[in-house]
């Protein structure tokens, strides 16, 4: 009787294999954000409005950019593996599949850390002074598009997202690349 009840029970939101890493990333990210927010709030006003403070929020953004490239590598590697050119280079394909497994395993924890860095970057930019220019507006649009990505990622675990995680993630990726490189 217990085995039939276990089969009929709905799966958890986060699979047990990933749960430890996801919750670990959430805890590390929350602690890091709280620590950095505390240190940002306690900076003197002269330091916040100094040109050198610009390097502080740029470093948050740069670290978030590196993490997001790792997160987006998952989709790039899936695309590469699906190409039909790998019949001749089966050895290379094996290595790409190994990289893909690694990228899939760390996709969610690294994305959580990246969101924490993006949050810190946004707070520091607003502390420094938000100007209505192309760079700040593109970053704000990217942030707004990022908001549904983690929520749809949770629905993705239960196959309820109808590809919204992929769509909103790719829209964020385009706006993020515009913000980061233009």
N, C-alpha and C. Protein backbone atom coordinates (compact mmCIF):
# COMPACT_ATOMS: atom_id res chain seq x y z
N UNK A 1 0.82 -1.20 0.00
CA UNK A 1 0.00 0.00 0.00
C UNK A 1 0.86 1.25 0.00
N UNK A 2 1.94 1.22 0.74
CA UNK A 2 2.79 2.41 0.82
C UNK A 2 3.49 2.70 -0.49
N UNK A 3 3.82 1.67 -1.26
CA UNK A 3 4.48 1.91 -2.53
C UNK A 3 3.55 2.56 -3.53
N UNK A 4 2.27 2.20 -3.53
CA UNK A 4 1.33 2.84 -4.45
C UNK A 4 1.07 4.29 -4.03
N UNK A 5 1.07 4.55 -2.72
CA UNK A 5 0.90 5.93 -2.26
C UNK A 5 2.11 6.76 -2.62
N UNK A 6 3.29 6.16 -2.55
CA UNK A 6 4.51 6.90 -2.91
C UNK A 6 4.54 7.21 -4.39
N UNK A 7 4.03 6.31 -5.22
CA UNK A 7 4.00 6.56 -6.66
C UNK A 7 2.97 7.62 -7.03
N UNK A 8 1.87 7.70 -6.28
CA UNK A 8 0.82 8.66 -6.57
C UNK A 8 1.10 10.04 -6.01
N UNK A 9 1.99 10.13 -5.05
CA UNK A 9 2.30 11.42 -4.45
C UNK A 9 2.96 12.33 -5.48
N UNK A 10 2.61 13.58 -5.43
CA UNK A 10 3.20 14.52 -6.39
C UNK A 10 4.66 14.76 -6.03
N UNK A 11 5.50 14.94 -7.03
CA UNK A 11 6.92 15.16 -6.74
C UNK A 11 7.13 16.51 -6.07
N UNK A 12 8.22 16.62 -5.35
CA UNK A 12 8.51 17.87 -4.66
C UNK A 12 8.91 18.93 -5.68
N UNK A 13 8.92 20.17 -5.26
CA UNK A 13 9.26 21.25 -6.17
C UNK A 13 10.69 21.15 -6.66
N UNK A 14 11.60 20.84 -5.75
CA UNK A 14 13.00 20.72 -6.13
C UNK A 14 13.39 19.26 -5.94
N UNK A 15 13.94 18.63 -6.98
CA UNK A 15 14.31 17.21 -6.85
C UNK A 15 15.31 16.99 -5.72
N UNK A 16 15.22 15.84 -5.07
CA UNK A 16 16.12 15.58 -3.93
C UNK A 16 17.60 15.65 -4.28
N UNK A 17 17.96 15.29 -5.50
CA UNK A 17 19.37 15.33 -5.90
C UNK A 17 19.91 16.76 -5.94
N UNK A 18 19.05 17.72 -6.24
CA UNK A 18 19.48 19.11 -6.36
C UNK A 18 19.20 19.94 -5.11
N UNK A 19 18.38 19.41 -4.24
CA UNK A 19 17.89 20.19 -3.09
C UNK A 19 19.02 20.74 -2.23
N UNK A 20 20.02 19.93 -1.93
CA UNK A 20 21.12 20.37 -1.07
C UNK A 20 21.85 21.56 -1.69
N UNK A 21 22.16 21.45 -2.98
CA UNK A 21 22.92 22.52 -3.65
C UNK A 21 22.08 23.78 -3.82
N UNK A 22 20.80 23.62 -4.10
CA UNK A 22 19.93 24.80 -4.28
C UNK A 22 19.76 25.53 -2.95
N UNK A 23 19.45 24.80 -1.89
CA UNK A 23 19.29 25.45 -0.59
C UNK A 23 20.61 26.01 -0.08
N UNK A 24 21.70 25.31 -0.36
CA UNK A 24 23.02 25.84 0.01
C UNK A 24 23.32 27.14 -0.70
N UNK A 25 22.99 27.20 -2.00
CA UNK A 25 23.21 28.44 -2.77
C UNK A 25 22.31 29.56 -2.26
N UNK A 26 21.08 29.22 -1.88
CA UNK A 26 20.18 30.24 -1.35
C UNK A 26 20.72 30.80 -0.03
N UNK A 27 21.18 29.93 0.84
CA UNK A 27 21.71 30.37 2.14
C UNK A 27 22.95 31.23 1.95
N UNK A 28 23.87 30.77 1.11
CA UNK A 28 25.10 31.55 0.86
C UNK A 28 24.76 32.89 0.23
N UNK A 29 23.83 32.90 -0.71
CA UNK A 29 23.46 34.15 -1.38
C UNK A 29 22.80 35.14 -0.42
N UNK A 30 21.89 34.64 0.41
CA UNK A 30 21.21 35.53 1.37
C UNK A 30 22.21 36.11 2.36
N UNK A 31 23.10 35.27 2.88
CA UNK A 31 24.11 35.77 3.82
C UNK A 31 25.04 36.78 3.15
N UNK A 32 25.44 36.50 1.92
CA UNK A 32 26.32 37.42 1.20
C UNK A 32 25.63 38.76 0.93
N UNK A 33 24.36 38.69 0.50
CA UNK A 33 23.61 39.93 0.23
C UNK A 33 23.44 40.73 1.51
N UNK A 34 23.08 40.08 2.60
CA UNK A 34 22.92 40.81 3.86
C UNK A 34 24.23 41.45 4.31
N UNK A 35 25.32 40.72 4.19
CA UNK A 35 26.63 41.25 4.58
C UNK A 35 27.02 42.45 3.73
N UNK A 36 26.84 42.33 2.43
CA UNK A 36 27.22 43.42 1.54
C UNK A 36 26.27 44.61 1.66
N UNK A 37 24.98 44.36 1.84
CA UNK A 37 24.05 45.47 2.05
C UNK A 37 24.38 46.22 3.33
N UNK A 38 24.73 45.48 4.38
CA UNK A 38 25.11 46.12 5.64
C UNK A 38 26.34 47.00 5.42
N UNK A 39 27.31 46.49 4.69
CA UNK A 39 28.52 47.29 4.47
C UNK A 39 28.25 48.47 3.52
N UNK A 40 27.37 48.30 2.55
CA UNK A 40 27.03 49.41 1.66
C UNK A 40 26.27 50.51 2.39
N UNK A 41 25.36 50.11 3.27
CA UNK A 41 24.56 51.10 4.00
C UNK A 41 25.43 51.90 4.96
N UNK A 42 26.46 51.29 5.49
CA UNK A 42 27.31 51.97 6.46
C UNK A 42 28.49 52.71 5.84
N UNK A 43 28.49 52.84 4.53
CA UNK A 43 29.54 53.65 3.90
C UNK A 43 29.23 55.13 4.10
N UNK A 44 30.25 55.94 4.29
CA UNK A 44 30.01 57.38 4.39
C UNK A 44 29.49 57.95 3.06
N UNK A 45 28.75 59.00 3.15
CA UNK A 45 28.15 59.61 1.96
C UNK A 45 29.21 60.07 0.97
N UNK A 46 30.32 60.56 1.47
CA UNK A 46 31.39 61.01 0.58
C UNK A 46 31.95 59.84 -0.24
N UNK A 47 32.00 58.68 0.35
CA UNK A 47 32.51 57.50 -0.37
C UNK A 47 31.52 57.04 -1.42
N UNK A 48 30.24 57.07 -1.11
CA UNK A 48 29.22 56.61 -2.05
C UNK A 48 29.18 57.49 -3.29
N UNK A 49 29.37 58.78 -3.13
CA UNK A 49 29.28 59.70 -4.26
C UNK A 49 30.64 59.99 -4.88
N UNK A 50 31.62 59.19 -4.53
CA UNK A 50 32.96 59.31 -5.09
C UNK A 50 33.03 58.47 -6.37
N UNK A 51 33.90 58.87 -7.27
CA UNK A 51 34.06 58.15 -8.54
C UNK A 51 34.60 56.73 -8.32
N UNK A 52 35.36 56.52 -7.24
CA UNK A 52 35.90 55.19 -6.97
C UNK A 52 34.82 54.20 -6.55
N UNK A 53 33.68 54.68 -6.04
CA UNK A 53 32.59 53.79 -5.68
C UNK A 53 32.00 53.10 -6.91
N UNK A 54 32.20 53.74 -8.05
CA UNK A 54 31.73 53.16 -9.30
C UNK A 54 32.36 51.77 -9.52
N UNK A 55 33.60 51.60 -9.08
CA UNK A 55 34.26 50.30 -9.22
C UNK A 55 33.59 49.24 -8.34
N UNK A 56 32.97 49.66 -7.24
CA UNK A 56 32.28 48.72 -6.36
C UNK A 56 31.11 48.08 -7.07
N UNK A 57 30.22 48.90 -7.64
CA UNK A 57 29.06 48.30 -8.29
C UNK A 57 29.44 47.66 -9.63
N UNK A 58 30.50 48.14 -10.25
CA UNK A 58 30.95 47.47 -11.48
C UNK A 58 31.53 46.10 -11.18
N UNK A 59 32.15 45.92 -10.03
CA UNK A 59 32.68 44.60 -9.69
C UNK A 59 31.55 43.61 -9.40
N UNK A 60 30.47 44.09 -8.75
CA UNK A 60 29.31 43.22 -8.58
C UNK A 60 28.75 42.80 -9.94
N UNK A 61 28.63 43.76 -10.84
CA UNK A 61 28.11 43.46 -12.17
C UNK A 61 29.03 42.55 -12.96
N UNK A 62 30.33 42.74 -12.83
CA UNK A 62 31.29 41.89 -13.54
C UNK A 62 31.24 40.45 -13.03
N UNK A 63 31.16 40.29 -11.73
CA UNK A 63 31.05 38.94 -11.17
C UNK A 63 29.73 38.28 -11.55
N UNK A 64 28.65 39.06 -11.59
CA UNK A 64 27.37 38.53 -12.04
C UNK A 64 27.44 38.13 -13.51
N UNK A 65 28.15 38.90 -14.30
CA UNK A 65 28.31 38.57 -15.72
C UNK A 65 29.01 37.23 -15.90
N UNK A 66 30.07 36.99 -15.14
CA UNK A 66 30.76 35.70 -15.22
C UNK A 66 29.84 34.55 -14.82
N UNK A 67 29.09 34.74 -13.77
CA UNK A 67 28.17 33.69 -13.33
C UNK A 67 27.08 33.45 -14.37
N UNK A 68 26.59 34.52 -14.99
CA UNK A 68 25.54 34.36 -15.99
C UNK A 68 26.06 33.69 -17.25
N UNK A 69 27.31 33.91 -17.61
CA UNK A 69 27.87 33.20 -18.75
C UNK A 69 27.91 31.71 -18.47
N UNK A 70 28.23 31.33 -17.25
CA UNK A 70 28.20 29.92 -16.88
C UNK A 70 26.78 29.37 -16.96
N UNK A 71 25.80 30.14 -16.48
CA UNK A 71 24.41 29.70 -16.51
C UNK A 71 23.93 29.55 -17.96
N UNK A 72 24.28 30.49 -18.82
CA UNK A 72 23.87 30.43 -20.22
C UNK A 72 24.62 29.36 -21.00
N UNK A 73 25.76 28.91 -20.49
CA UNK A 73 26.52 27.86 -21.16
C UNK A 73 25.71 26.57 -21.26
N UNK A 74 24.80 26.36 -20.34
CA UNK A 74 23.92 25.19 -20.38
C UNK A 74 23.17 25.15 -21.71
N UNK A 75 22.57 26.26 -22.12
CA UNK A 75 21.78 26.30 -23.35
C UNK A 75 22.67 26.21 -24.58
N UNK A 76 23.82 26.83 -24.54
CA UNK A 76 24.74 26.78 -25.67
C UNK A 76 25.24 25.35 -25.89
N UNK A 77 25.59 24.67 -24.81
CA UNK A 77 26.07 23.30 -24.93
C UNK A 77 24.98 22.35 -25.41
N UNK A 78 23.74 22.56 -24.99
CA UNK A 78 22.63 21.74 -25.49
C UNK A 78 22.49 21.95 -26.99
N UNK A 79 22.58 23.19 -27.44
CA UNK A 79 22.48 23.49 -28.86
C UNK A 79 23.61 22.83 -29.64
N UNK A 80 24.82 22.88 -29.11
CA UNK A 80 25.98 22.29 -29.79
C UNK A 80 25.84 20.77 -29.88
N UNK A 81 25.38 20.15 -28.81
CA UNK A 81 25.24 18.69 -28.80
C UNK A 81 24.20 18.24 -29.82
N UNK A 82 23.16 19.03 -30.02
CA UNK A 82 22.09 18.66 -30.95
C UNK A 82 22.48 18.84 -32.42
N UNK A 83 23.59 19.49 -32.68
CA UNK A 83 24.02 19.67 -34.07
C UNK A 83 24.35 18.31 -34.69
N UNK A 84 24.21 18.20 -35.99
CA UNK A 84 24.42 16.93 -36.69
C UNK A 84 25.86 16.72 -37.14
N UNK A 85 26.78 17.56 -36.73
CA UNK A 85 28.15 17.46 -37.23
C UNK A 85 29.03 16.52 -36.41
N UNK A 86 28.49 15.89 -35.39
CA UNK A 86 29.31 15.16 -34.44
C UNK A 86 29.56 13.71 -34.82
N UNK A 87 29.10 13.26 -35.98
CA UNK A 87 29.35 11.87 -36.37
C UNK A 87 30.85 11.61 -36.55
N UNK A 88 31.56 12.59 -37.10
CA UNK A 88 33.00 12.40 -37.33
C UNK A 88 33.80 12.60 -36.04
N UNK A 89 33.34 13.42 -35.16
CA UNK A 89 34.10 13.79 -33.96
C UNK A 89 33.41 13.30 -32.70
N UNK A 90 33.27 12.01 -32.58
CA UNK A 90 32.56 11.46 -31.41
C UNK A 90 33.33 11.71 -30.11
N UNK A 91 34.65 11.78 -30.20
CA UNK A 91 35.47 12.05 -29.01
C UNK A 91 35.20 13.46 -28.47
N UNK A 92 35.11 14.42 -29.39
CA UNK A 92 34.83 15.80 -28.98
C UNK A 92 33.43 15.89 -28.39
N UNK A 93 32.49 15.17 -29.01
CA UNK A 93 31.12 15.20 -28.50
C UNK A 93 31.05 14.65 -27.08
N UNK A 94 31.83 13.61 -26.78
CA UNK A 94 31.84 13.06 -25.42
C UNK A 94 32.27 14.11 -24.41
N UNK A 95 33.30 14.88 -24.75
CA UNK A 95 33.77 15.93 -23.84
C UNK A 95 32.74 17.05 -23.68
N UNK A 96 32.06 17.36 -24.76
CA UNK A 96 31.02 18.39 -24.67
C UNK A 96 29.86 17.91 -23.80
N UNK A 97 29.52 16.62 -23.91
CA UNK A 97 28.46 16.07 -23.07
C UNK A 97 28.87 16.10 -21.60
N UNK A 98 30.15 15.83 -21.31
CA UNK A 98 30.64 15.92 -19.92
C UNK A 98 30.50 17.36 -19.42
N UNK A 99 30.88 18.32 -20.26
CA UNK A 99 30.71 19.73 -19.88
C UNK A 99 29.24 20.08 -19.68
N UNK A 100 28.38 19.53 -20.53
CA UNK A 100 26.95 19.79 -20.40
C UNK A 100 26.40 19.25 -19.09
N UNK A 101 26.81 18.07 -18.70
CA UNK A 101 26.37 17.52 -17.40
C UNK A 101 26.80 18.42 -16.25
N UNK A 102 28.04 18.88 -16.32
CA UNK A 102 28.55 19.79 -15.29
C UNK A 102 27.75 21.09 -15.27
N UNK A 103 27.49 21.65 -16.46
CA UNK A 103 26.74 22.90 -16.53
C UNK A 103 25.31 22.73 -16.05
N UNK A 104 24.68 21.59 -16.36
CA UNK A 104 23.31 21.35 -15.88
C UNK A 104 23.26 21.20 -14.37
N UNK A 105 24.25 20.52 -13.82
CA UNK A 105 24.25 20.30 -12.37
C UNK A 105 24.38 21.62 -11.61
N UNK A 106 25.19 22.54 -12.12
CA UNK A 106 25.45 23.79 -11.41
C UNK A 106 24.63 24.97 -11.95
N UNK A 107 23.74 24.73 -12.89
CA UNK A 107 22.94 25.81 -13.49
C UNK A 107 22.15 26.58 -12.43
N UNK A 108 21.39 25.88 -11.62
CA UNK A 108 20.54 26.55 -10.64
C UNK A 108 21.32 27.20 -9.50
N UNK A 109 22.29 26.51 -8.87
CA UNK A 109 23.02 27.18 -7.78
C UNK A 109 23.79 28.42 -8.25
N UNK A 110 24.41 28.35 -9.41
CA UNK A 110 25.15 29.51 -9.92
C UNK A 110 24.18 30.62 -10.30
N UNK A 111 23.01 30.27 -10.82
CA UNK A 111 22.01 31.29 -11.15
C UNK A 111 21.53 32.02 -9.90
N UNK A 112 21.38 31.29 -8.80
CA UNK A 112 20.97 31.92 -7.55
C UNK A 112 22.03 32.91 -7.07
N UNK A 113 23.28 32.51 -7.16
CA UNK A 113 24.37 33.42 -6.77
C UNK A 113 24.41 34.63 -7.71
N UNK A 114 24.18 34.40 -9.01
CA UNK A 114 24.17 35.51 -9.97
C UNK A 114 23.06 36.50 -9.66
N UNK A 115 21.89 36.01 -9.28
CA UNK A 115 20.78 36.90 -8.93
C UNK A 115 21.15 37.73 -7.70
N UNK A 116 21.83 37.14 -6.75
CA UNK A 116 22.27 37.90 -5.57
C UNK A 116 23.25 39.00 -5.98
N UNK A 117 24.18 38.69 -6.88
CA UNK A 117 25.13 39.70 -7.34
C UNK A 117 24.43 40.80 -8.15
N UNK A 118 23.42 40.43 -8.92
CA UNK A 118 22.65 41.42 -9.68
C UNK A 118 21.90 42.34 -8.72
N UNK A 119 21.34 41.78 -7.68
CA UNK A 119 20.65 42.59 -6.67
C UNK A 119 21.61 43.60 -6.03
N UNK A 120 22.79 43.14 -5.67
CA UNK A 120 23.78 44.04 -5.07
C UNK A 120 24.23 45.11 -6.07
N UNK A 121 24.41 44.72 -7.31
CA UNK A 121 24.78 45.67 -8.37
C UNK A 121 23.70 46.75 -8.51
N UNK A 122 22.45 46.34 -8.49
CA UNK A 122 21.34 47.29 -8.64
C UNK A 122 21.28 48.25 -7.46
N UNK A 123 21.40 47.73 -6.26
CA UNK A 123 21.35 48.59 -5.07
C UNK A 123 22.51 49.59 -5.09
N UNK A 124 23.70 49.13 -5.44
CA UNK A 124 24.86 50.03 -5.47
C UNK A 124 24.71 51.10 -6.55
N UNK A 125 24.13 50.75 -7.69
CA UNK A 125 23.90 51.75 -8.75
C UNK A 125 22.93 52.81 -8.26
N UNK A 126 21.85 52.40 -7.59
CA UNK A 126 20.90 53.38 -7.09
C UNK A 126 21.51 54.23 -5.97
N UNK A 127 22.40 53.65 -5.18
CA UNK A 127 23.09 54.44 -4.15
C UNK A 127 24.02 55.47 -4.79
N UNK A 128 24.69 55.09 -5.85
CA UNK A 128 25.62 55.99 -6.53
C UNK A 128 24.88 57.12 -7.23
N UNK A 129 23.76 56.79 -7.80
CA UNK A 129 22.97 57.80 -8.51
C UNK A 129 22.51 57.25 -9.85
N UNK A 130 21.21 57.02 -9.98
CA UNK A 130 20.64 56.48 -11.20
C UNK A 130 20.41 57.61 -12.19
N UNK A 131 20.98 57.47 -13.38
CA UNK A 131 20.77 58.45 -14.45
C UNK A 131 19.97 57.77 -15.56
N UNK A 132 19.12 58.54 -16.20
CA UNK A 132 18.33 57.99 -17.29
C UNK A 132 19.14 58.01 -18.58
N UNK A 133 20.08 57.07 -18.69
CA UNK A 133 20.83 56.90 -19.92
C UNK A 133 20.61 55.48 -20.44
N UNK A 134 21.17 55.19 -21.59
CA UNK A 134 20.93 53.90 -22.24
C UNK A 134 21.39 52.74 -21.37
N UNK A 135 22.53 52.86 -20.76
CA UNK A 135 23.08 51.77 -19.97
C UNK A 135 22.21 51.45 -18.76
N UNK A 136 21.78 52.46 -18.04
CA UNK A 136 20.95 52.24 -16.86
C UNK A 136 19.55 51.74 -17.22
N UNK A 137 18.98 52.28 -18.28
CA UNK A 137 17.64 51.84 -18.70
C UNK A 137 17.68 50.39 -19.18
N UNK A 138 18.72 50.03 -19.95
CA UNK A 138 18.82 48.64 -20.41
C UNK A 138 19.03 47.69 -19.24
N UNK A 139 19.78 48.11 -18.24
CA UNK A 139 19.95 47.29 -17.05
C UNK A 139 18.66 47.13 -16.27
N UNK A 140 17.89 48.21 -16.16
CA UNK A 140 16.61 48.15 -15.46
C UNK A 140 15.62 47.24 -16.20
N UNK A 141 15.60 47.33 -17.53
CA UNK A 141 14.74 46.44 -18.31
C UNK A 141 15.16 44.98 -18.15
N UNK A 142 16.48 44.74 -18.14
CA UNK A 142 16.97 43.37 -17.93
C UNK A 142 16.55 42.86 -16.56
N UNK A 143 16.61 43.71 -15.56
CA UNK A 143 16.21 43.32 -14.21
C UNK A 143 14.72 42.98 -14.16
N UNK A 144 13.89 43.76 -14.83
CA UNK A 144 12.45 43.49 -14.84
C UNK A 144 12.13 42.17 -15.56
N UNK A 145 12.87 41.89 -16.61
CA UNK A 145 12.65 40.63 -17.33
C UNK A 145 13.20 39.46 -16.52
N UNK A 146 14.19 39.70 -15.67
CA UNK A 146 14.76 38.64 -14.85
C UNK A 146 13.79 38.17 -13.76
N UNK A 147 12.90 39.02 -13.31
CA UNK A 147 12.03 38.68 -12.17
C UNK A 147 11.23 37.38 -12.37
N UNK A 148 10.63 37.12 -13.55
CA UNK A 148 9.87 35.86 -13.67
C UNK A 148 10.74 34.62 -13.92
N UNK A 149 12.02 34.80 -14.19
CA UNK A 149 12.87 33.65 -14.53
C UNK A 149 12.99 32.65 -13.37
N UNK A 150 13.31 33.08 -12.13
CA UNK A 150 13.39 32.07 -11.06
C UNK A 150 12.03 31.44 -10.72
N UNK A 151 10.96 32.21 -10.84
CA UNK A 151 9.64 31.66 -10.56
C UNK A 151 9.28 30.60 -11.60
N UNK A 152 9.51 30.92 -12.87
CA UNK A 152 9.23 29.92 -13.90
C UNK A 152 10.20 28.75 -13.82
N UNK A 153 11.38 28.97 -13.24
CA UNK A 153 12.31 27.87 -13.01
C UNK A 153 11.77 26.88 -12.00
N UNK A 154 11.08 27.37 -10.98
CA UNK A 154 10.42 26.47 -10.03
C UNK A 154 9.33 25.65 -10.71
N UNK A 155 8.55 26.31 -11.57
CA UNK A 155 7.52 25.58 -12.32
C UNK A 155 8.15 24.60 -13.31
N UNK A 156 9.35 24.90 -13.74
CA UNK A 156 10.06 24.02 -14.66
C UNK A 156 10.34 22.66 -14.04
N UNK A 157 10.62 22.64 -12.75
CA UNK A 157 10.87 21.37 -12.07
C UNK A 157 9.66 20.43 -12.17
N UNK A 158 8.46 21.00 -12.17
CA UNK A 158 7.25 20.18 -12.24
C UNK A 158 6.69 20.11 -13.66
N UNK A 159 7.44 20.63 -14.62
CA UNK A 159 7.02 20.63 -16.03
C UNK A 159 5.72 21.41 -16.23
N UNK A 160 5.54 22.49 -15.49
CA UNK A 160 4.34 23.32 -15.59
C UNK A 160 4.63 24.68 -16.22
N UNK A 161 5.84 24.91 -16.69
CA UNK A 161 6.20 26.26 -17.10
C UNK A 161 5.86 26.58 -18.54
N UNK A 162 5.56 25.58 -19.37
CA UNK A 162 5.24 25.78 -20.79
C UNK A 162 6.32 26.58 -21.50
N UNK A 163 7.54 26.28 -21.19
CA UNK A 163 8.74 26.90 -21.76
C UNK A 163 8.90 28.38 -21.40
N UNK A 164 8.22 28.85 -20.36
CA UNK A 164 8.37 30.24 -19.95
C UNK A 164 9.73 30.50 -19.35
N UNK A 165 10.31 29.50 -18.70
CA UNK A 165 11.65 29.67 -18.13
C UNK A 165 12.66 29.91 -19.25
N UNK A 166 12.57 29.14 -20.30
CA UNK A 166 13.48 29.31 -21.44
C UNK A 166 13.23 30.64 -22.13
N UNK A 167 11.98 30.98 -22.38
CA UNK A 167 11.66 32.22 -23.09
C UNK A 167 12.07 33.45 -22.30
N UNK A 168 11.69 33.50 -21.04
CA UNK A 168 12.05 34.68 -20.25
C UNK A 168 13.55 34.72 -19.98
N UNK A 169 14.18 33.55 -19.86
CA UNK A 169 15.63 33.50 -19.68
C UNK A 169 16.37 34.00 -20.91
N UNK A 170 15.89 33.64 -22.10
CA UNK A 170 16.53 34.13 -23.32
C UNK A 170 16.28 35.62 -23.52
N UNK A 171 15.09 36.09 -23.16
CA UNK A 171 14.82 37.53 -23.24
C UNK A 171 15.74 38.28 -22.29
N UNK A 172 15.91 37.74 -21.08
CA UNK A 172 16.85 38.35 -20.14
C UNK A 172 18.26 38.33 -20.69
N UNK A 173 18.66 37.21 -21.30
CA UNK A 173 20.02 37.09 -21.83
C UNK A 173 20.29 38.16 -22.89
N UNK A 174 19.32 38.40 -23.76
CA UNK A 174 19.49 39.43 -24.80
C UNK A 174 19.62 40.80 -24.16
N UNK A 175 18.72 41.13 -23.24
CA UNK A 175 18.80 42.45 -22.58
C UNK A 175 20.05 42.57 -21.72
N UNK A 176 20.46 41.49 -21.10
CA UNK A 176 21.69 41.49 -20.30
C UNK A 176 22.91 41.76 -21.18
N UNK A 177 22.97 41.09 -22.34
CA UNK A 177 24.10 41.31 -23.26
C UNK A 177 24.11 42.73 -23.79
N UNK A 178 22.95 43.28 -24.06
CA UNK A 178 22.88 44.69 -24.49
C UNK A 178 23.39 45.60 -23.39
N UNK A 179 22.95 45.34 -22.16
CA UNK A 179 23.38 46.16 -21.03
C UNK A 179 24.87 46.03 -20.76
N UNK A 180 25.39 44.82 -20.88
CA UNK A 180 26.78 44.58 -20.51
C UNK A 180 27.77 45.05 -21.57
N UNK A 181 27.39 45.00 -22.83
CA UNK A 181 28.39 45.24 -23.87
C UNK A 181 28.11 46.43 -24.77
N UNK A 182 26.99 47.11 -24.61
CA UNK A 182 26.77 48.31 -25.44
C UNK A 182 26.82 49.56 -24.61
